Amino acid sequence: MKSTIVCTLSIFIWSCFISTLNAREDYHLGFRIAPRISTLGGGLEVAKGLTPWLGLRGGVNYFTYTYDSEESGNDYELELELKSFGLFVDLHPFKQAFRITGGFLINGNEINGNAKLAAGEKFDLDGIPYSLAGDRASMALTYETFAPYAGFGWDTTFGDHDNWGFTFDLGVVFSGAPDLAIDASVNSTDPNAATFESKKKKEVDEVKEDLNDFEFWPVISAGIVYQF
């Protein structure tokens, strides 16, 4: 009786071992490259499955766009520049395409602008016109460099032998409220020169307060995957 139990247990363990080997042979964890388009700009990611439940991804994003805008009564030429590097850990709870993602971005997103001032044109702060030194003023809107990320998505090649597939992600970057700086100096001959620095600080503080509601950057991303 004892030998029968031992024999049966041995056969069961061996069967489980063979099944595991077959599952591993059927499960492919290759290197993947994915060009993407997203709300972070155009990007390129590389990824590797580590286990049937876990994967690792890293990628870069970039996009730039120049446009004109009026801010606080002044005309600016603005440049939006999206640039970031991300590193992510993907949890695949069903060992298939669906994933839950956590990670971070090295965030270089910013907006830079130069006031469009003709020679002798005044720069407005809090309703007061000022003559600027060199007739120039610039602004910079920047974010925290380290920005956590959380989201979910799909990669149809994960765990499969397919070379080509599709990837899609939804998430949010916790970028923090952006910071604003205005670089401008008043002409010493301006009759309102004494109030310039206080008015500039007030302008910056008011804009930063308005920006406190923009602490999160939504991410919608899609791309094509090639797997080796």
C-alpha atoms as a PDB file:
ATOM      1  CA  MET A   1       0.000   0.000   0.000  1.00  0.00           C
ATOM      2  CA  LYS A   2       2.787   2.361   0.978  1.00  0.00           C
ATOM      3  CA  SER A   3       4.697   1.666  -2.218  1.00  0.00           C
ATOM      4  CA  THR A   4       1.536   2.295  -4.243  1.00  0.00           C
ATOM      5  CA  ILE A   5       1.063   5.726  -2.629  1.00  0.00           C
ATOM      6  CA  VAL A   6       4.709   6.603  -3.213  1.00  0.00           C
ATOM      7  CA  CYS A   7       4.475   5.479  -6.842  1.00  0.00           C
ATOM      8  CA  THR A   8       1.263   7.457  -7.420  1.00  0.00           C
ATOM      9  CA  LEU A   9       2.780  10.578  -5.818  1.00  0.00           C
ATOM     10  CA  SER A  10       5.910  10.221  -7.927  1.00  0.00           C
ATOM     11  CA  ILE A  11       3.849   9.975 -11.125  1.00  0.00           C
ATOM     12  CA  PHE A  12       1.843  13.073 -10.088  1.00  0.00           C
ATOM     13  CA  ILE A  13       4.972  15.114  -9.363  1.00  0.00           C
ATOM     14  CA  TRP A  14       6.568  14.019 -12.642  1.00  0.00           C
ATOM     15  CA  SER A  15       3.412  14.926 -14.564  1.00  0.00           C
ATOM     16  CA  CYS A  16       3.365  18.404 -12.974  1.00  0.00           C
ATOM     17  CA  PHE A  17       7.048  18.830 -13.858  1.00  0.00           C
ATOM     18  CA  ILE A  18       6.468  17.856 -17.491  1.00  0.00           C
ATOM     19  CA  SER A  19       3.427  20.176 -17.694  1.00  0.00           C
ATOM     20  CA  THR A  20       5.502  23.027 -16.306  1.00  0.00           C
ATOM     21  CA  LEU A  21       8.224  22.402 -18.869  1.00  0.00           C
ATOM     22  CA  ASN A  22       5.686  22.347 -21.686  1.00  0.00           C
ATOM     23  CA  ALA A  23       4.104  25.584 -20.405  1.00  0.00           C
ATOM     24  CA  ARG A  24       7.494  27.212 -20.291  1.00  0.00           C
ATOM     25  CA  GLU A  25       8.250  26.051 -23.841  1.00  0.00           C
ATOM     26  CA  ASP A  26       4.952  27.521 -25.014  1.00  0.00           C
ATOM     27  CA  TYR A  27       5.435  30.816 -23.158  1.00  0.00           C
ATOM     28  CA  HIS A  28       7.684  33.257 -24.971  1.00  0.00           C
ATOM     29  CA  LEU A  29       9.364  36.169 -23.167  1.00  0.00           C
ATOM     30  CA  GLY A  30      11.173  38.044 -25.893  1.00  0.00           C
ATOM     31  CA  PHE A  31      12.669  41.500 -26.296  1.00  0.00           C
ATOM     32  CA  ARG A  32      10.170  43.970 -27.729  1.00  0.00           C
ATOM     33  CA  ILE A  33      10.513  47.344 -29.447  1.00  0.00           C
ATOM     34  CA  ALA A  34       7.510  49.667 -29.725  1.00  0.00           C
ATOM     35  CA  PRO A  35       7.354  53.028 -31.506  1.00  0.00           C
ATOM     36  CA  ARG A  36       4.489  54.958 -29.911  1.00  0.00           C
ATOM     37  CA  ILE A  37       2.391  58.111 -30.129  1.00  0.00           C
ATOM     38  CA  SER A  38       1.062  59.527 -26.865  1.00  0.00           C
ATOM     39  CA  THR A  39       0.169  62.617 -24.874  1.00  0.00           C
ATOM     40  CA  LEU A  40       3.858  62.627 -23.879  1.00  0.00           C
ATOM     41  CA  GLY A  41       4.910  62.990 -27.519  1.00  0.00           C
ATOM     42  CA  GLY A  42       6.343  60.560 -30.007  1.00  0.00           C
ATOM     43  CA  GLY A  43       8.310  57.794 -28.349  1.00  0.00           C
ATOM     44  CA  LEU A  44      10.215  54.554 -28.536  1.00  0.00           C
ATOM     45  CA  GLU A  45      10.101  51.819 -25.900  1.00  0.00           C
ATOM     46  CA  VAL A  46      12.057  48.627 -25.304  1.00  0.00           C
ATOM     47  CA  ALA A  47      10.618  45.875 -23.120  1.00  0.00           C
ATOM     48  CA  LYS A  48      11.439  42.422 -21.775  1.00  0.00           C
ATOM     49  CA  GLY A  49       9.262  39.860 -20.060  1.00  0.00           C
ATOM     50  CA  LEU A  50      10.979  38.599 -16.920  1.00  0.00           C
ATOM     51  CA  THR A  51       8.386  36.017 -15.852  1.00  0.00           C
ATOM     52  CA  PRO A  52       4.868  35.162 -17.110  1.00  0.00           C
ATOM     53  CA  TRP A  53       3.586  37.669 -14.534  1.00  0.00           C
ATOM     54  CA  LEU A  54       6.209  40.393 -14.739  1.00  0.00           C
ATOM     55  CA  GLY A  55       7.796  42.639 -17.356  1.00  0.00           C
ATOM     56  CA  LEU A  56      10.139  45.624 -17.506  1.00  0.00           C
ATOM     57  CA  ARG A  57       9.930  48.576 -19.911  1.00  0.00           C
ATOM     58  CA  GLY A  58      11.927  51.708 -20.594  1.00  0.00           C
ATOM     59  CA  GLY A  59      11.437  54.435 -23.158  1.00  0.00           C
ATOM     60  CA  VAL A  60      11.932  58.001 -24.321  1.00  0.00           C
ATOM     61  CA  ASN A  61       9.412  60.585 -25.553  1.00  0.00           C
ATOM     62  CA  TYR A  62       9.827  63.857 -27.431  1.00  0.00           C
ATOM     63  CA  PHE A  63       7.650  66.487 -29.083  1.00  0.00           C
ATOM     64  CA  THR A  64       7.963  70.218 -29.729  1.00  0.00           C
ATOM     65  CA  TYR A  65       5.451  72.810 -30.900  1.00  0.00           C
ATOM     66  CA  THR A  66       5.724  76.592 -31.321  1.00  0.00           C
ATOM     67  CA  TYR A  67       2.707  78.895 -31.120  1.00  0.00           C
ATOM     68  CA  ASP A  68       1.658  82.455 -30.255  1.00  0.00           C
ATOM     69  CA  SER A  69      -0.408  83.322 -27.198  1.00  0.00           C
ATOM     70  CA  GLU A  70      -1.468  86.259 -25.077  1.00  0.00           C
ATOM     71  CA  GLU A  71      -0.621  85.952 -21.384  1.00  0.00           C
ATOM     72  CA  SER A  72      -1.553  88.664 -18.862  1.00  0.00           C
ATOM     73  CA  GLY A  73      -1.950  91.269 -21.589  1.00  0.00           C
ATOM     74  CA  ASN A  74       1.383  90.483 -23.269  1.00  0.00           C
ATOM     75  CA  ASP A  75       1.949  88.709 -26.579  1.00  0.00           C
ATOM     76  CA  TYR A  76       4.342  85.753 -26.403  1.00  0.00           C
ATOM     77  CA  GLU A  77       5.920  83.343 -28.816  1.00  0.00           C
ATOM     78  CA  LEU A  78       5.760  80.082 -26.877  1.00  0.00           C
ATOM     79  CA  GLU A  79       7.445  76.731 -27.398  1.00  0.00           C
ATOM     80  CA  LEU A  80       5.985  73.601 -25.843  1.00  0.00           C
ATOM     81  CA  GLU A  81       8.667  70.947 -25.416  1.00  0.00           C
ATOM     82  CA  LEU A  82       7.781  67.454 -24.201  1.00  0.00           C
ATOM     83  CA  LYS A  83      10.807  65.340 -23.328  1.00  0.00           C
ATOM     84  CA  SER A  84      10.963  62.481 -20.852  1.00  0.00           C
ATOM     85  CA  PHE A  85      12.530  59.138 -20.043  1.00  0.00           C
ATOM     86  CA  GLY A  86      10.427  56.483 -18.338  1.00  0.00           C
ATOM     87  CA  LEU A  87      11.096  53.215 -16.534  1.00  0.00           C
ATOM     88  CA  PHE A  88       8.144  50.920 -15.752  1.00  0.00           C
ATOM     89  CA  VAL A  89       7.340  47.599 -14.102  1.00  0.00           C
ATOM     90  CA  ASP A  90       4.389  45.717 -15.632  1.00  0.00           C
ATOM     91  CA  LEU A  91       2.344  43.210 -13.664  1.00  0.00           C
ATOM     92  CA  HIS A  92       0.427  40.741 -15.874  1.00  0.00           C
ATOM     93  CA  PRO A  93      -2.074  39.189 -13.427  1.00  0.00           C
ATOM     94  CA  PHE A  94      -3.511  36.797 -16.050  1.00  0.00           C
ATOM     95  CA  LYS A  95      -0.143  36.042 -17.730  1.00  0.00           C
ATOM     96  CA  GLN A  96      -1.530  37.593 -20.900  1.00  0.00           C
ATOM     97  CA  ALA A  97      -1.714  40.958 -22.692  1.00  0.00           C
ATOM     98  CA  PHE A  98      -3.393  42.950 -19.889  1.00  0.00           C
ATOM     99  CA  ARG A  99      -1.005  44.710 -17.506  1.00  0.00           C
ATOM    100  CA  ILE A 100      -1.006  46.973 -14.480  1.00  0.00           C
ATOM    101  CA  THR A 101       1.904  49.407 -14.515  1.00  0.00           C
ATOM    102  CA  GLY A 102       3.892  51.396 -11.986  1.00  0.00           C
ATOM    103  CA  GLY A 103       7.007  53.424 -12.599  1.00  0.00           C
ATOM    104  CA  PHE A 104       8.405  56.908 -13.011  1.00  0.00           C
ATOM    105  CA  LEU A 105       9.429  59.543 -15.532  1.00  0.00           C
ATOM    106  CA  ILE A 106      12.477  61.739 -15.629  1.00  0.00           C
ATOM    107  CA  ASN A 107      10.326  64.667 -16.680  1.00  0.00           C
ATOM    108  CA  GLY A 108      11.713  67.479 -18.814  1.00  0.00           C
ATOM    109  CA  ASN A 109       8.384  68.844 -20.064  1.00  0.00           C
ATOM    110  CA  GLU A 110       8.375  72.641 -20.227  1.00  0.00           C
ATOM    111  CA  ILE A 111       7.018  75.726 -21.946  1.00  0.00           C
ATOM    112  CA  ASN A 112       9.381  78.565 -22.806  1.00  0.00           C
ATOM    113  CA  GLY A 113       8.326  81.894 -24.212  1.00  0.00           C
ATOM    114  CA  ASN A 114       9.628  85.267 -25.314  1.00  0.00           C
ATOM    115  CA  ALA A 115       7.493  88.389 -25.171  1.00  0.00           C
ATOM    116  CA  LYS A 116       6.943  89.912 -28.612  1.00  0.00           C
ATOM    117  CA  LEU A 117       7.955  93.500 -27.846  1.00  0.00           C
ATOM    118  CA  ALA A 118       8.771  96.020 -30.522  1.00  0.00           C
ATOM    119  CA  ALA A 119      11.424  98.633 -29.769  1.00  0.00           C
ATOM    120  CA  GLY A 120      10.129 100.896 -27.010  1.00  0.00           C
ATOM    121  CA  GLU A 121       6.958  98.840 -26.445  1.00  0.00           C
ATOM    122  CA  LYS A 122       5.812  98.525 -22.822  1.00  0.00           C
ATOM    123  CA  PHE A 123       5.471  95.257 -20.872  1.00  0.00           C
ATOM    124  CA  ASP A 124       2.299  94.921 -18.806  1.00  0.00           C
ATOM    125  CA  LEU A 125       2.286  93.663 -15.206  1.00  0.00           C
ATOM    126  CA  ASP A 126      -0.883  93.842 -13.127  1.00  0.00           C
ATOM    127  CA  GLY A 127      -2.229  96.544 -15.414  1.00  0.00           C
ATOM    128  CA  ILE A 128       0.884  98.746 -15.204  1.00  0.00           C
ATOM    129  CA  PRO A 129       3.037  99.230 -18.347  1.00  0.00           C
ATOM    130  CA  TYR A 130       6.826  99.071 -17.852  1.00  0.00           C
ATOM    131  CA  SER A 131       9.755  99.895 -20.103  1.00  0.00           C
ATOM    132  CA  LEU A 132      12.104  96.905 -20.035  1.00  0.00           C
ATOM    133  CA  ALA A 133      15.869  96.850 -20.259  1.00  0.00           C
ATOM    134  CA  GLY A 134      16.736  95.629 -23.725  1.00  0.00           C
ATOM    135  CA  ASP A 135      13.032  95.521 -24.639  1.00  0.00           C
ATOM    136  CA  ARG A 136      12.933  91.823 -23.758  1.00  0.00           C
ATOM    137  CA  ALA A 137      11.135  89.480 -21.367  1.00  0.00           C
ATOM    138  CA  SER A 138      10.939  85.682 -21.208  1.00  0.00           C
ATOM    139  CA  MET A 139       9.023  83.100 -19.231  1.00  0.00           C
ATOM    140  CA  ALA A 140       9.607  79.433 -18.376  1.00  0.00           C
ATOM    141  CA  LEU A 141       7.086  76.884 -17.127  1.00  0.00           C
ATOM    142  CA  THR A 142       8.717  73.736 -15.717  1.00  0.00           C
ATOM    143  CA  TYR A 143       7.807  70.581 -13.785  1.00  0.00           C
ATOM    144  CA  GLU A 144       9.417  68.441 -11.100  1.00  0.00           C
ATOM    145  CA  THR A 145      12.128  66.235 -12.613  1.00  0.00           C
ATOM    146  CA  PHE A 146      11.004  63.013 -10.888  1.00  0.00           C
ATOM    147  CA  ALA A 147       7.380  62.095 -11.638  1.00  0.00           C
ATOM    148  CA  PRO A 148       5.735  58.793 -10.546  1.00  0.00           C
ATOM    149  CA  TYR A 149       3.451  57.007 -13.007  1.00  0.00           C
ATOM    150  CA  ALA A 150       0.546  54.569 -12.584  1.00  0.00           C
ATOM    151  CA  GLY A 151      -1.697  53.047 -15.215  1.00  0.00           C
ATOM    152  CA  PHE A 152      -2.845  49.962 -17.071  1.00  0.00           C
ATOM    153  CA  GLY A 153      -2.737  48.708 -20.625  1.00  0.00           C
ATOM    154  CA  TRP A 154      -2.266  45.880 -23.098  1.00  0.00           C
ATOM    155  CA  ASP A 155       0.569  44.382 -25.122  1.00  0.00           C
ATOM    156  CA  THR A 156      -0.713  41.670 -27.468  1.00  0.00           C
ATOM    157  CA  THR A 157       2.749  40.122 -27.935  1.00  0.00           C
ATOM    158  CA  PHE A 158       3.408  39.479 -24.234  1.00  0.00           C
ATOM    159  CA  GLY A 159       3.846  35.733 -23.672  1.00  0.00           C
ATOM    160  CA  ASP A 160       3.216  34.908 -27.346  1.00  0.00           C
ATOM    161  CA  HIS A 161       5.537  33.941 -30.168  1.00  0.00           C
ATOM    162  CA  ASP A 162       4.059  36.588 -32.477  1.00  0.00           C
ATOM    163  CA  ASN A 163       6.605  39.019 -33.906  1.00  0.00           C
ATOM    164  CA  TRP A 164       4.135  41.844 -34.473  1.00  0.00           C
ATOM    165  CA  GLY A 165       1.472  43.213 -32.156  1.00  0.00           C
ATOM    166  CA  PHE A 166      -0.255  46.241 -30.724  1.00  0.00           C
ATOM    167  CA  THR A 167       0.185  48.109 -27.449  1.00  0.00           C
ATOM    168  CA  PHE A 168      -2.076  50.584 -25.675  1.00  0.00           C
ATOM    169  CA  ASP A 169      -1.871  52.324 -22.281  1.00  0.00           C
ATOM    170  CA  LEU A 170      -3.931  54.628 -20.093  1.00  0.00           C
ATOM    171  CA  GLY A 171      -2.384  56.261 -17.048  1.00  0.00           C
ATOM    172  CA  VAL A 172      -1.421  59.379 -15.197  1.00  0.00           C
ATOM    173  CA  VAL A 173       1.877  61.085 -14.391  1.00  0.00           C
ATOM    174  CA  PHE A 174       2.022  62.664 -10.933  1.00  0.00           C
ATOM    175  CA  SER A 175       4.076  65.622 -12.121  1.00  0.00           C
ATOM    176  CA  GLY A 176       3.227  68.128  -9.400  1.00  0.00           C
ATOM    177  CA  ALA A 177       2.093  71.692 -10.030  1.00  0.00           C
ATOM    178  CA  PRO A 178       4.311  73.429 -12.597  1.00  0.00           C
ATOM    179  CA  ASP A 179       6.612  76.262 -11.614  1.00  0.00           C
ATOM    180  CA  LEU A 180       6.712  79.615 -13.409  1.00  0.00           C
ATOM    181  CA  ALA A 181       9.591  82.061 -13.764  1.00  0.00           C
ATOM    182  CA  ILE A 182       9.579  85.440 -15.542  1.00  0.00           C
ATOM    183  CA  ASP A 183      12.935  86.813 -16.631  1.00  0.00           C
ATOM    184  CA  ALA A 184      12.669  90.566 -17.175  1.00  0.00           C
ATOM    185  CA  SER A 185      14.366  93.716 -15.876  1.00  0.00           C
ATOM    186  CA  VAL A 186      12.849  97.157 -15.791  1.00  0.00           C
ATOM    187  CA  ASN A 187      14.539 100.138 -17.370  1.00  0.00           C
ATOM    188  CA  SER A 188      15.874 102.330 -14.562  1.00  0.00           C
ATOM    189  CA  THR A 189      14.388 105.435 -16.218  1.00  0.00           C
ATOM    190  CA  ASP A 190      10.838 104.027 -16.081  1.00  0.00           C
ATOM    191  CA  PRO A 191       8.657 106.136 -13.727  1.00  0.00           C
ATOM    192  CA  ASN A 192       7.174 102.947 -12.203  1.00  0.00           C
ATOM    193  CA  ALA A 193      10.496 101.172 -11.770  1.00  0.00           C
ATOM    194  CA  ALA A 194      10.189 101.011  -7.961  1.00  0.00           C
ATOM    195  CA  THR A 195       7.111  98.762  -8.161  1.00  0.00           C
ATOM    196  CA  PHE A 196       8.385  96.398 -10.872  1.00  0.00           C
ATOM    197  CA  GLU A 197       9.802  93.578  -8.736  1.00  0.00           C
ATOM    198  CA  SER A 198       6.785  93.438  -6.424  1.00  0.00           C
ATOM    199  CA  LYS A 199       4.389  93.393  -9.390  1.00  0.00           C
ATOM    200  CA  LYS A 200       6.428  90.677 -11.103  1.00  0.00           C
ATOM    201  CA  LYS A 201       6.334  88.547  -7.945  1.00  0.00           C
ATOM    202  CA  LYS A 202       2.587  89.065  -7.630  1.00  0.00           C
ATOM    203  CA  GLU A 203       2.076  88.009 -11.240  1.00  0.00           C
ATOM    204  CA  VAL A 204       4.140  84.846 -10.757  1.00  0.00           C
ATOM    205  CA  ASP A 205       2.371  83.952  -7.500  1.00  0.00           C
ATOM    206  CA  GLU A 206      -1.091  84.381  -9.036  1.00  0.00           C
ATOM    207  CA  VAL A 207      -0.268  82.234 -12.065  1.00  0.00           C
ATOM    208  CA  LYS A 208       1.322  79.540  -9.887  1.00  0.00           C
ATOM    209  CA  GLU A 209      -1.800  79.442  -7.734  1.00  0.00           C
ATOM    210  CA  ASP A 210      -3.903  78.899 -10.852  1.00  0.00           C
ATOM    211  CA  LEU A 211      -1.555  76.096 -11.898  1.00  0.00           C
ATOM    212  CA  ASN A 212      -1.936  74.181  -8.638  1.00  0.00           C
ATOM    213  CA  ASP A 213      -4.867  72.303 -10.165  1.00  0.00           C
ATOM    214  CA  PHE A 214      -2.624  70.866 -12.899  1.00  0.00           C
ATOM    215  CA  GLU A 215      -0.615  68.397 -10.817  1.00  0.00           C
ATOM    216  CA  PHE A 216      -1.423  65.388 -13.011  1.00  0.00           C
ATOM    217  CA  TRP A 217      -0.556  64.718 -16.638  1.00  0.00           C
ATOM    218  CA  PRO A 218      -2.948  62.231 -18.328  1.00  0.00           C
ATOM    219  CA  VAL A 219      -1.319  59.624 -20.543  1.00  0.00           C
ATOM    220  CA  ILE A 220      -2.965  57.993 -23.547  1.00  0.00           C
ATOM    221  CA  SER A 221      -0.505  55.958 -25.576  1.00  0.00           C
ATOM    222  CA  ALA A 222      -0.671  53.562 -28.517  1.00  0.00           C
ATOM    223  CA  GLY A 223       1.888  51.884 -30.704  1.00  0.00           C
ATOM    224  CA  ILE A 224       3.051  48.919 -32.759  1.00  0.00           C
ATOM    225  CA  VAL A 225       5.233  46.228 -31.186  1.00  0.00           C
ATOM    226  CA  TYR A 226       7.945  44.126 -32.812  1.00  0.00           C
ATOM    227  CA  GLN A 227       9.161  41.168 -30.775  1.00  0.00           C
ATOM    228  CA  PHE A 228      12.427  39.287 -31.262  1.00  0.00           C
END
